[in-house]
Amino acid sequence: MAEQSEVHKEVVRLRERISEFDGADVVRRIDPNEITASNWANRDVSHFDTDAFAKLKAEIANSEGNVQPIKVRAKKNPDGVGVPFEIVYGHRRHRACLELGIPVLALIESDMEDAELFVEMERENRDREDLSAWEQGVMYQRALDQNLFQSARQLAVAIERDVSNISRAMALAKLPADVIRAFGSPLNLQFRWATPLRDAHQRDPEGLLEKARKVSESTPRLTPAEVFSFLTRPPVVEAASAKRPVEWKDSDGKRLALLSTDKKGRAILSFAQAIEESEQRKLIKLIDGFLGSRS
């Protein structure tokens, strides 16, 4: 009886301890191979070739793991097949641990809707290394394409962002691949370039693509600012070349009159000698008839 009483007291004590963690998030180390990227992953693969990522990876290696946990949600795999977790945020920390071959410290959310995941991922990234304008545009466009939000305005309200910034970001994401490639990396694209690049594409899509391909093949490489300037430069309108003048000559080959045009296509009629008043009246009558036919 005494032993059973002690066991009962221990059970009660443990239940009280467990109740302190009721509703708390679970944090544990997980094999990074058991975690997959989110459908709305907003980091371009080029991020993993940057000095910033190399520095982050070195810090995680020195600490023998990520000190700041990533967040994952349990995936719904009805048949029990597939990777059990999906990243909510922390794609770079997960990638670093994956490359280092060490477990990743993760905060586990057992139940989370897609829209919740998207909003948490977007907001968490604001406090870390900023996403490029192009990456944000890709992320926003994907959310709308998959009906996560019904409109850009609804998306803006959910993530507390200005709808005009969302529109500019998506304009960059919609640019052709050749145009993106001309900048060397999509990370080089800036918000303020969105409208001029979109306008240039709408004005002359084939011309913009031709310029972009020329930039990609140029040596040495232009800076992103130089690429933007070249792609959005208005086309040079060449002045109309002067047409060959028309001459009237007498029987001896002497010039009587000359009709020429200037670079703007304006006609100039000149006579080698002064003409009498009666001839002027005839000429005026002819010009009146000509101008009347054009009106």
C-alpha atoms as a PDB file:
ATOM      1  CA  MET A   1       0.000   0.000   0.000  1.00  0.00           C
ATOM      2  CA  ALA A   2       2.855   2.359   0.869  1.00  0.00           C
ATOM      3  CA  GLU A   3       4.596   1.627  -2.465  1.00  0.00           C
ATOM      4  CA  GLN A   4       1.369   2.211  -4.417  1.00  0.00           C
ATOM      5  CA  SER A   5       0.882   5.498  -2.577  1.00  0.00           C
ATOM      6  CA  GLU A   6       4.361   6.695  -3.596  1.00  0.00           C
ATOM      7  CA  VAL A   7       3.714   5.702  -7.216  1.00  0.00           C
ATOM      8  CA  HIS A   8       0.427   7.588  -7.157  1.00  0.00           C
ATOM      9  CA  LYS A   9       2.152  10.712  -5.832  1.00  0.00           C
ATOM     10  CA  GLU A  10       4.794  10.457  -8.597  1.00  0.00           C
ATOM     11  CA  VAL A  11       2.095  10.145 -11.278  1.00  0.00           C
ATOM     12  CA  VAL A  12       0.316  13.221  -9.925  1.00  0.00           C
ATOM     13  CA  ARG A  13       3.583  15.179  -9.859  1.00  0.00           C
ATOM     14  CA  LEU A  14       4.450  14.223 -13.452  1.00  0.00           C
ATOM     15  CA  ARG A  15       0.976  15.168 -14.649  1.00  0.00           C
ATOM     16  CA  GLU A  16       1.406  18.593 -13.067  1.00  0.00           C
ATOM     17  CA  ARG A  17       4.756  19.012 -14.839  1.00  0.00           C
ATOM     18  CA  ILE A  18       3.272  17.999 -18.171  1.00  0.00           C
ATOM     19  CA  SER A  19       0.375  20.432 -17.734  1.00  0.00           C
ATOM     20  CA  GLU A  20       2.904  23.284 -17.604  1.00  0.00           C
ATOM     21  CA  PHE A  21       3.786  22.538 -21.242  1.00  0.00           C
ATOM     22  CA  ASP A  22       0.200  22.148 -22.406  1.00  0.00           C
ATOM     23  CA  GLY A  23      -0.167  24.057 -25.698  1.00  0.00           C
ATOM     24  CA  ALA A  24       3.551  24.758 -25.957  1.00  0.00           C
ATOM     25  CA  ASP A  25       5.370  24.214 -29.247  1.00  0.00           C
ATOM     26  CA  VAL A  26       7.616  21.177 -29.534  1.00  0.00           C
ATOM     27  CA  VAL A  27      11.273  21.820 -30.351  1.00  0.00           C
ATOM     28  CA  ARG A  28      13.634  18.987 -31.254  1.00  0.00           C
ATOM     29  CA  ARG A  29      16.474  18.075 -33.564  1.00  0.00           C
ATOM     30  CA  ILE A  30      15.387  16.450 -36.823  1.00  0.00           C
ATOM     31  CA  ASP A  31      17.268  14.809 -39.644  1.00  0.00           C
ATOM     32  CA  PRO A  32      17.191  17.489 -42.385  1.00  0.00           C
ATOM     33  CA  ASN A  33      16.451  14.752 -44.934  1.00  0.00           C
ATOM     34  CA  GLU A  34      13.069  14.329 -43.242  1.00  0.00           C
ATOM     35  CA  ILE A  35      12.163  17.933 -44.067  1.00  0.00           C
ATOM     36  CA  THR A  36      11.112  19.266 -47.453  1.00  0.00           C
ATOM     37  CA  ALA A  37      10.978  22.836 -48.733  1.00  0.00           C
ATOM     38  CA  SER A  38       7.657  24.633 -48.749  1.00  0.00           C
ATOM     39  CA  ASN A  39       5.599  24.927 -51.928  1.00  0.00           C
ATOM     40  CA  TRP A  40       6.014  28.671 -51.446  1.00  0.00           C
ATOM     41  CA  ALA A  41       9.749  28.582 -50.790  1.00  0.00           C
ATOM     42  CA  ASN A  42      10.918  32.113 -51.490  1.00  0.00           C
ATOM     43  CA  ARG A  43      14.685  31.698 -51.669  1.00  0.00           C
ATOM     44  CA  ASP A  44      16.204  31.395 -55.126  1.00  0.00           C
ATOM     45  CA  VAL A  45      18.924  28.742 -55.372  1.00  0.00           C
ATOM     46  CA  SER A  46      21.447  31.488 -56.126  1.00  0.00           C
ATOM     47  CA  HIS A  47      21.157  32.520 -52.451  1.00  0.00           C
ATOM     48  CA  PHE A  48      23.101  29.402 -51.526  1.00  0.00           C
ATOM     49  CA  ASP A  49      26.119  30.618 -53.517  1.00  0.00           C
ATOM     50  CA  THR A  50      26.415  33.951 -51.699  1.00  0.00           C
ATOM     51  CA  ASP A  51      28.978  35.012 -49.096  1.00  0.00           C
ATOM     52  CA  ALA A  52      26.110  35.562 -46.641  1.00  0.00           C
ATOM     53  CA  PHE A  53      25.079  31.909 -46.852  1.00  0.00           C
ATOM     54  CA  ALA A  54      28.689  30.713 -46.557  1.00  0.00           C
ATOM     55  CA  LYS A  55      29.020  32.803 -43.370  1.00  0.00           C
ATOM     56  CA  LEU A  56      25.768  31.396 -41.944  1.00  0.00           C
ATOM     57  CA  LYS A  57      26.880  27.845 -42.703  1.00  0.00           C
ATOM     58  CA  ALA A  58      30.223  28.430 -40.979  1.00  0.00           C
ATOM     59  CA  GLU A  59      28.480  29.810 -37.873  1.00  0.00           C
ATOM     60  CA  ILE A  60      26.186  26.754 -37.701  1.00  0.00           C
ATOM     61  CA  ALA A  61      29.172  24.432 -38.126  1.00  0.00           C
ATOM     62  CA  ASN A  62      31.054  26.164 -35.288  1.00  0.00           C
ATOM     63  CA  SER A  63      27.982  25.914 -33.032  1.00  0.00           C
ATOM     64  CA  GLU A  64      27.456  22.269 -34.046  1.00  0.00           C
ATOM     65  CA  GLY A  65      23.925  23.107 -35.097  1.00  0.00           C
ATOM     66  CA  ASN A  66      21.546  26.003 -35.600  1.00  0.00           C
ATOM     67  CA  VAL A  67      20.966  27.897 -32.349  1.00  0.00           C
ATOM     68  CA  GLN A  68      17.902  29.674 -33.734  1.00  0.00           C
ATOM     69  CA  PRO A  69      15.373  26.946 -34.607  1.00  0.00           C
ATOM     70  CA  ILE A  70      13.609  26.771 -37.935  1.00  0.00           C
ATOM     71  CA  LYS A  71       9.879  26.113 -38.010  1.00  0.00           C
ATOM     72  CA  VAL A  72       8.235  23.129 -39.686  1.00  0.00           C
ATOM     73  CA  ARG A  73       4.734  21.734 -39.933  1.00  0.00           C
ATOM     74  CA  ALA A  74       3.774  18.095 -39.946  1.00  0.00           C
ATOM     75  CA  LYS A  75       2.787  17.010 -43.433  1.00  0.00           C
ATOM     76  CA  LYS A  76      -0.420  15.144 -44.036  1.00  0.00           C
ATOM     77  CA  ASN A  77       0.627  11.847 -45.606  1.00  0.00           C
ATOM     78  CA  PRO A  78      -2.480   9.614 -45.480  1.00  0.00           C
ATOM     79  CA  ASP A  79      -0.589   6.568 -46.734  1.00  0.00           C
ATOM     80  CA  GLY A  80       2.332   7.210 -44.390  1.00  0.00           C
ATOM     81  CA  VAL A  81       4.715   7.592 -47.340  1.00  0.00           C
ATOM     82  CA  GLY A  82       6.795  10.707 -47.912  1.00  0.00           C
ATOM     83  CA  VAL A  83       8.841  13.245 -46.014  1.00  0.00           C
ATOM     84  CA  PRO A  84       7.087  13.928 -42.673  1.00  0.00           C
ATOM     85  CA  PHE A  85       7.826  17.664 -42.308  1.00  0.00           C
ATOM     86  CA  GLU A  86       7.574  20.824 -44.440  1.00  0.00           C
ATOM     87  CA  ILE A  87       9.441  24.078 -43.776  1.00  0.00           C
ATOM     88  CA  VAL A  88       7.435  27.085 -42.606  1.00  0.00           C
ATOM     89  CA  TYR A  89      10.505  29.293 -42.393  1.00  0.00           C
ATOM     90  CA  GLY A  90      14.252  28.773 -42.124  1.00  0.00           C
ATOM     91  CA  HIS A  91      15.133  27.419 -45.574  1.00  0.00           C
ATOM     92  CA  ARG A  92      18.726  28.696 -45.385  1.00  0.00           C
ATOM     93  CA  ARG A  93      19.345  27.196 -41.930  1.00  0.00           C
ATOM     94  CA  HIS A  94      17.859  23.911 -43.112  1.00  0.00           C
ATOM     95  CA  ARG A  95      20.041  23.929 -46.226  1.00  0.00           C
ATOM     96  CA  ALA A  96      23.154  24.634 -44.159  1.00  0.00           C
ATOM     97  CA  CYS A  97      22.453  21.705 -41.816  1.00  0.00           C
ATOM     98  CA  LEU A  98      21.647  19.482 -44.790  1.00  0.00           C
ATOM     99  CA  GLU A  99      25.001  20.287 -46.430  1.00  0.00           C
ATOM    100  CA  LEU A 100      26.837  19.848 -43.109  1.00  0.00           C
ATOM    101  CA  GLY A 101      25.110  16.528 -42.467  1.00  0.00           C
ATOM    102  CA  ILE A 102      23.924  17.462 -38.981  1.00  0.00           C
ATOM    103  CA  PRO A 103      20.437  17.498 -37.390  1.00  0.00           C
ATOM    104  CA  VAL A 104      18.496  20.753 -37.602  1.00  0.00           C
ATOM    105  CA  LEU A 105      16.830  22.265 -34.539  1.00  0.00           C
ATOM    106  CA  ALA A 106      13.177  22.749 -35.458  1.00  0.00           C
ATOM    107  CA  LEU A 107      10.028  24.096 -33.900  1.00  0.00           C
ATOM    108  CA  ILE A 108       7.240  21.671 -34.847  1.00  0.00           C
ATOM    109  CA  GLU A 109       3.716  22.877 -35.616  1.00  0.00           C
ATOM    110  CA  SER A 110       1.371  19.915 -35.711  1.00  0.00           C
ATOM    111  CA  ASP A 111      -1.490  21.632 -37.533  1.00  0.00           C
ATOM    112  CA  MET A 112      -1.177  24.689 -39.788  1.00  0.00           C
ATOM    113  CA  GLU A 113      -3.168  25.834 -42.818  1.00  0.00           C
ATOM    114  CA  ASP A 114      -1.472  26.892 -46.050  1.00  0.00           C
ATOM    115  CA  ALA A 115      -2.371  30.574 -45.685  1.00  0.00           C
ATOM    116  CA  GLU A 116      -0.981  30.614 -42.127  1.00  0.00           C
ATOM    117  CA  LEU A 117       2.250  29.047 -43.359  1.00  0.00           C
ATOM    118  CA  PHE A 118       2.610  31.638 -46.118  1.00  0.00           C
ATOM    119  CA  VAL A 119       2.020  34.610 -43.808  1.00  0.00           C
ATOM    120  CA  GLU A 120       4.468  33.345 -41.147  1.00  0.00           C
ATOM    121  CA  MET A 121       7.127  32.626 -43.756  1.00  0.00           C
ATOM    122  CA  GLU A 122       6.791  36.080 -45.342  1.00  0.00           C
ATOM    123  CA  ARG A 123       6.853  37.963 -42.045  1.00  0.00           C
ATOM    124  CA  GLU A 124       9.760  35.990 -40.574  1.00  0.00           C
ATOM    125  CA  ASN A 125      11.914  36.775 -43.604  1.00  0.00           C
ATOM    126  CA  ARG A 126      11.484  40.514 -43.043  1.00  0.00           C
ATOM    127  CA  ASP A 127      13.590  40.240 -39.866  1.00  0.00           C
ATOM    128  CA  ARG A 128      16.361  38.366 -41.623  1.00  0.00           C
ATOM    129  CA  GLU A 129      18.271  38.836 -44.859  1.00  0.00           C
ATOM    130  CA  ASP A 130      15.816  40.601 -47.155  1.00  0.00           C
ATOM    131  CA  LEU A 131      14.505  38.753 -50.138  1.00  0.00           C
ATOM    132  CA  SER A 132      15.197  40.332 -53.498  1.00  0.00           C
ATOM    133  CA  ALA A 133      12.339  42.092 -55.259  1.00  0.00           C
ATOM    134  CA  TRP A 134      12.198  39.298 -57.859  1.00  0.00           C
ATOM    135  CA  GLU A 135      12.013  36.559 -55.196  1.00  0.00           C
ATOM    136  CA  GLN A 136       9.164  38.351 -53.474  1.00  0.00           C
ATOM    137  CA  GLY A 137       7.349  38.681 -56.784  1.00  0.00           C
ATOM    138  CA  VAL A 138       7.701  34.959 -57.507  1.00  0.00           C
ATOM    139  CA  MET A 139       6.398  34.140 -54.033  1.00  0.00           C
ATOM    140  CA  TYR A 140       3.396  36.497 -54.325  1.00  0.00           C
ATOM    141  CA  GLN A 141       2.529  35.324 -57.834  1.00  0.00           C
ATOM    142  CA  ARG A 142       2.680  31.669 -56.783  1.00  0.00           C
ATOM    143  CA  ALA A 143       0.346  32.355 -53.854  1.00  0.00           C
ATOM    144  CA  LEU A 144      -2.207  33.937 -56.196  1.00  0.00           C
ATOM    145  CA  ASP A 145      -1.818  31.253 -58.879  1.00  0.00           C
ATOM    146  CA  GLN A 146      -2.558  28.567 -56.290  1.00  0.00           C
ATOM    147  CA  ASN A 147      -5.579  30.493 -54.963  1.00  0.00           C
ATOM    148  CA  LEU A 148      -4.045  30.958 -51.546  1.00  0.00           C
ATOM    149  CA  PHE A 149      -5.460  34.483 -51.720  1.00  0.00           C
ATOM    150  CA  GLN A 150      -8.180  35.743 -54.035  1.00  0.00           C
ATOM    151  CA  SER A 151      -6.457  38.992 -55.042  1.00  0.00           C
ATOM    152  CA  ALA A 152      -3.286  41.010 -54.594  1.00  0.00           C
ATOM    153  CA  ARG A 153      -5.209  43.338 -52.287  1.00  0.00           C
ATOM    154  CA  GLN A 154      -6.281  40.455 -50.037  1.00  0.00           C
ATOM    155  CA  LEU A 155      -2.688  39.232 -49.981  1.00  0.00           C
ATOM    156  CA  ALA A 156      -1.472  42.726 -49.058  1.00  0.00           C
ATOM    157  CA  VAL A 157      -3.864  42.859 -46.113  1.00  0.00           C
ATOM    158  CA  ALA A 158      -2.805  39.402 -44.873  1.00  0.00           C
ATOM    159  CA  ILE A 159       0.921  40.194 -44.850  1.00  0.00           C
ATOM    160  CA  GLU A 160       0.495  43.903 -44.033  1.00  0.00           C
ATOM    161  CA  ARG A 161       2.267  45.150 -47.131  1.00  0.00           C
ATOM    162  CA  ASP A 162       1.480  47.934 -49.583  1.00  0.00           C
ATOM    163  CA  VAL A 163      -0.364  46.531 -52.604  1.00  0.00           C
ATOM    164  CA  SER A 164       1.705  48.708 -54.979  1.00  0.00           C
ATOM    165  CA  ASN A 165       4.911  47.021 -53.751  1.00  0.00           C
ATOM    166  CA  ILE A 166       3.325  43.626 -54.334  1.00  0.00           C
ATOM    167  CA  SER A 167       2.327  44.656 -57.871  1.00  0.00           C
ATOM    168  CA  ARG A 168       5.845  45.897 -58.675  1.00  0.00           C
ATOM    169  CA  ALA A 169       7.404  42.714 -57.337  1.00  0.00           C
ATOM    170  CA  MET A 170       5.080  40.554 -59.446  1.00  0.00           C
ATOM    171  CA  ALA A 171       5.870  42.687 -62.519  1.00  0.00           C
ATOM    172  CA  LEU A 172       9.534  41.691 -62.107  1.00  0.00           C
ATOM    173  CA  ALA A 173       8.593  38.035 -61.644  1.00  0.00           C
ATOM    174  CA  LYS A 174       6.691  38.079 -64.953  1.00  0.00           C
ATOM    175  CA  LEU A 175       9.670  39.296 -66.993  1.00  0.00           C
ATOM    176  CA  PRO A 176      11.028  36.792 -69.564  1.00  0.00           C
ATOM    177  CA  ALA A 177      13.856  34.506 -68.463  1.00  0.00           C
ATOM    178  CA  ASP A 178      16.285  36.112 -70.949  1.00  0.00           C
ATOM    179  CA  VAL A 179      15.728  39.512 -69.359  1.00  0.00           C
ATOM    180  CA  ILE A 180      16.310  38.120 -65.845  1.00  0.00           C
ATOM    181  CA  ARG A 181      19.445  36.329 -67.072  1.00  0.00           C
ATOM    182  CA  ALA A 182      20.844  39.589 -68.452  1.00  0.00           C
ATOM    183  CA  PHE A 183      21.227  40.885 -64.881  1.00  0.00           C
ATOM    184  CA  GLY A 184      23.478  37.954 -63.949  1.00  0.00           C
ATOM    185  CA  SER A 185      21.269  36.957 -61.014  1.00  0.00           C
ATOM    186  CA  PRO A 186      17.614  37.630 -60.172  1.00  0.00           C
ATOM    187  CA  LEU A 187      18.865  38.917 -56.802  1.00  0.00           C
ATOM    188  CA  ASN A 188      20.192  42.013 -58.618  1.00  0.00           C
ATOM    189  CA  LEU A 189      16.742  43.240 -59.679  1.00  0.00           C
ATOM    190  CA  GLN A 190      15.363  46.210 -57.752  1.00  0.00           C
ATOM    191  CA  PHE A 191      11.826  47.352 -56.961  1.00  0.00           C
ATOM    192  CA  ARG A 192      12.297  50.740 -58.657  1.00  0.00           C
ATOM    193  CA  TRP A 193      13.170  49.055 -61.961  1.00  0.00           C
ATOM    194  CA  ALA A 194       9.888  47.140 -62.187  1.00  0.00           C
ATOM    195  CA  THR A 195       7.735  49.714 -63.988  1.00  0.00           C
ATOM    196  CA  PRO A 196      10.340  50.831 -66.598  1.00  0.00           C
ATOM    197  CA  LEU A 197      11.200  47.197 -67.430  1.00  0.00           C
ATOM    198  CA  ARG A 198       7.525  46.231 -67.679  1.00  0.00           C
ATOM    199  CA  ASP A 199       6.851  49.228 -69.954  1.00  0.00           C
ATOM    200  CA  ALA A 200       9.839  48.377 -72.147  1.00  0.00           C
ATOM    201  CA  HIS A 201       8.562  44.806 -72.495  1.00  0.00           C
ATOM    202  CA  GLN A 202       5.041  45.935 -73.390  1.00  0.00           C
ATOM    203  CA  ARG A 203       6.334  48.519 -75.866  1.00  0.00           C
ATOM    204  CA  ASP A 204       8.663  46.228 -77.796  1.00  0.00           C
ATOM    205  CA  PRO A 205       8.872  42.634 -76.457  1.00  0.00           C
ATOM    206  CA  GLU A 206      11.074  41.322 -79.269  1.00  0.00           C
ATOM    207  CA  GLY A 207      13.356  44.342 -79.087  1.00  0.00           C
ATOM    208  CA  LEU A 208      13.798  43.904 -75.331  1.00  0.00           C
ATOM    209  CA  LEU A 209      14.635  40.217 -75.730  1.00  0.00           C
ATOM    210  CA  GLU A 210      17.191  41.025 -78.418  1.00  0.00           C
ATOM    211  CA  LYS A 211      18.823  43.603 -76.145  1.00  0.00           C
ATOM    212  CA  ALA A 212      18.821  41.166 -73.214  1.00  0.00           C
ATOM    213  CA  ARG A 213      20.538  38.440 -75.248  1.00  0.00           C
ATOM    214  CA  LYS A 214      23.132  40.930 -76.448  1.00  0.00           C
ATOM    215  CA  VAL A 215      23.878  41.951 -72.847  1.00  0.00           C
ATOM    216  CA  SER A 216      24.231  38.308 -71.744  1.00  0.00           C
ATOM    217  CA  GLU A 217      26.845  37.715 -74.455  1.00  0.00           C
ATOM    218  CA  SER A 218      28.770  40.950 -73.844  1.00  0.00           C
ATOM    219  CA  THR A 219      32.294  40.957 -72.422  1.00  0.00           C
ATOM    220  CA  PRO A 220      33.110  42.339 -69.926  1.00  0.00           C
ATOM    221  CA  ARG A 221      29.815  41.987 -68.085  1.00  0.00           C
ATOM    222  CA  LEU A 222      27.832  45.144 -67.434  1.00  0.00           C
ATOM    223  CA  THR A 223      26.831  46.076 -63.906  1.00  0.00           C
ATOM    224  CA  PRO A 224      23.127  45.581 -63.024  1.00  0.00           C
ATOM    225  CA  ALA A 225      22.576  49.364 -63.196  1.00  0.00           C
ATOM    226  CA  GLU A 226      24.180  49.487 -66.653  1.00  0.00           C
ATOM    227  CA  VAL A 227      22.025  46.551 -67.797  1.00  0.00           C
ATOM    228  CA  PHE A 228      18.881  48.337 -66.611  1.00  0.00           C
ATOM    229  CA  SER A 229      19.905  51.543 -68.395  1.00  0.00           C
ATOM    230  CA  PHE A 230      20.616  49.687 -71.638  1.00  0.00           C
ATOM    231  CA  LEU A 231      17.379  47.676 -71.602  1.00  0.00           C
ATOM    232  CA  THR A 232      15.122  50.650 -70.843  1.00  0.00           C
ATOM    233  CA  ARG A 233      16.836  53.180 -73.101  1.00  0.00           C
ATOM    234  CA  PRO A 234      14.265  54.624 -75.554  1.00  0.00           C
ATOM    235  CA  PRO A 235      14.839  53.531 -79.157  1.00  0.00           C
ATOM    236  CA  VAL A 236      16.778  56.016 -81.247  1.00  0.00           C
ATOM    237  CA  VAL A 237      14.585  57.405 -83.995  1.00  0.00           C
ATOM    238  CA  GLU A 238      16.776  57.998 -86.989  1.00  0.00           C
ATOM    239  CA  ALA A 239      16.131  61.231 -88.868  1.00  0.00           C
ATOM    240  CA  ALA A 240      14.631  60.740 -92.264  1.00  0.00           C
ATOM    241  CA  SER A 241      17.388  60.963 -94.827  1.00  0.00           C
ATOM    242  CA  ALA A 242      17.018  63.689 -97.437  1.00  0.00           C
ATOM    243  CA  LYS A 243      15.657  62.357-100.707  1.00  0.00           C
ATOM    244  CA  ARG A 244      17.464  62.948-103.939  1.00  0.00           C
ATOM    245  CA  PRO A 245      16.486  66.418-105.224  1.00  0.00           C
ATOM    246  CA  VAL A 246      14.494  66.868-108.432  1.00  0.00           C
ATOM    247  CA  GLU A 247      15.959  69.298-110.994  1.00  0.00           C
ATOM    248  CA  TRP A 248      14.445  71.091-113.949  1.00  0.00           C
ATOM    249  CA  LYS A 249      16.875  72.211-116.669  1.00  0.00           C
ATOM    250  CA  ASP A 250      16.651  74.102-119.936  1.00  0.00           C
ATOM    251  CA  SER A 251      17.828  72.826-123.308  1.00  0.00           C
ATOM    252  CA  ASP A 252      21.372  73.934-122.526  1.00  0.00           C
ATOM    253  CA  GLY A 253      21.460  71.965-119.287  1.00  0.00           C
ATOM    254  CA  LYS A 254      21.207  74.985-117.018  1.00  0.00           C
ATOM    255  CA  ARG A 255      19.170  74.550-113.831  1.00  0.00           C
ATOM    256  CA  LEU A 256      15.795  76.261-113.841  1.00  0.00           C
ATOM    257  CA  ALA A 257      14.344  74.967-110.545  1.00  0.00           C
ATOM    258  CA  LEU A 258      15.191  72.536-107.764  1.00  0.00           C
ATOM    259  CA  LEU A 259      12.868  70.566-105.454  1.00  0.00           C
ATOM    260  CA  SER A 260      14.660  69.195-102.378  1.00  0.00           C
ATOM    261  CA  THR A 261      13.717  67.913 -98.894  1.00  0.00           C
ATOM    262  CA  ASP A 262      15.381  68.494 -95.552  1.00  0.00           C
ATOM    263  CA  LYS A 263      16.030  65.830 -92.873  1.00  0.00           C
ATOM    264  CA  LYS A 264      12.502  66.202 -91.523  1.00  0.00           C
ATOM    265  CA  GLY A 265      10.989  65.548 -94.966  1.00  0.00           C
ATOM    266  CA  ARG A 266       9.945  69.156 -95.609  1.00  0.00           C
ATOM    267  CA  ALA A 267       9.913  70.173 -99.301  1.00  0.00           C
ATOM    268  CA  ILE A 268      11.897  73.185-100.563  1.00  0.00           C
ATOM    269  CA  LEU A 269      11.274  74.543-104.076  1.00  0.00           C
ATOM    270  CA  SER A 270      13.747  77.076-105.402  1.00  0.00           C
ATOM    271  CA  PHE A 271      14.177  78.772-108.772  1.00  0.00           C
ATOM    272  CA  ALA A 272      17.469  79.675-110.374  1.00  0.00           C
ATOM    273  CA  GLN A 273      16.126  83.030-111.631  1.00  0.00           C
ATOM    274  CA  ALA A 274      13.484  85.484-110.551  1.00  0.00           C
ATOM    275  CA  ILE A 275      10.017  84.726-111.931  1.00  0.00           C
ATOM    276  CA  GLU A 276       7.527  87.275-113.152  1.00  0.00           C
ATOM    277  CA  GLU A 277       4.339  88.163-111.301  1.00  0.00           C
ATOM    278  CA  SER A 278       2.140  86.360-113.830  1.00  0.00           C
ATOM    279  CA  GLU A 279       4.195  83.171-113.375  1.00  0.00           C
ATOM    280  CA  GLN A 280       3.970  83.576-109.630  1.00  0.00           C
ATOM    281  CA  ARG A 281       0.171  83.665-109.895  1.00  0.00           C
ATOM    282  CA  LYS A 282       0.225  80.431-111.927  1.00  0.00           C
ATOM    283  CA  LEU A 283       2.471  78.827-109.321  1.00  0.00           C
ATOM    284  CA  ILE A 284       0.215  79.975-106.486  1.00  0.00           C
ATOM    285  CA  LYS A 285      -2.794  78.513-108.294  1.00  0.00           C
ATOM    286  CA  LEU A 286      -1.005  75.193-108.670  1.00  0.00           C
ATOM    287  CA  ILE A 287      -0.040  75.154-105.003  1.00  0.00           C
ATOM    288  CA  ASP A 288      -3.615  76.027-103.983  1.00  0.00           C
ATOM    289  CA  GLY A 289      -4.842  73.075-105.996  1.00  0.00           C
ATOM    290  CA  PHE A 290      -2.206  70.804-104.471  1.00  0.00           C
ATOM    291  CA  LEU A 291      -2.983  71.837-100.915  1.00  0.00           C
ATOM    292  CA  GLY A 292      -6.698  71.580-101.602  1.00  0.00           C
ATOM    293  CA  SER A 293      -6.293  67.983-102.678  1.00  0.00           C
ATOM    294  CA  ARG A 294      -4.498  67.214 -99.398  1.00  0.00           C
ATOM    295  CA  SER A 295      -7.113  68.781 -97.110  1.00  0.00           C
END
